[in-house]
């Protein structure tokens, strides 16, 4: 079965009107964002794959050469594979892609953004129509600028973040600006925090999710 390529956690809910797909940050796993998901929507279906790259024993979704410097070939290959994996998960577990919201943190946010930029046709399917990107950066610039009409995004960034700051040519602002320029609907939730998530970021997520 194709889903065997990623260790993952699937928790269906009989009350679900939404499926939350949670993509962890470096060093996380399929359980890391379960508490966040339960706070966002305790009635949702929950799906969380574990990144299948190890960096000094820490799971990630794609390789990097240094902090903020990605192995671009690996990024592209694993991003496309993850998009296929999520498509397969819809079929295997029987949830409607139009109910999906993807929540990615740090490395998980970057691979989610990369999926959107590389597989924009999945927006109309619903799988990539709603994304909350927590502490992201612009992971790549596609060779052909995609039309992201129909995509609804939250970009949660901290001004004191030294890893993916809301400034610079590759930080969260660059991502937000690029997404908006390609016709996505972008909500920016900028706080004074660092790379960690805190109550301001959570409040912004809850407001965006329920809007």
Foldseek 3Di string as FASTA:
>chain_A
DLLVVWDKDKDAAPQALAEEEEEEAWQDARCPCVVLVCVLPVRHIYMYTWAPDADPRTHAVFAAPDQVHGPVVRLLVSLVSVVVSVVVCCVVVVDQLLRYEYEYAERGLQSLLVNCQVPVVCLVSNNQQHYERAFYWNNDQDPDGAQNANHEYEYEAACAEPRAHCDDCTHSVVSQVSCVVSHYHYDYQYYNDYSDDDDSSSVVSSVSVVD
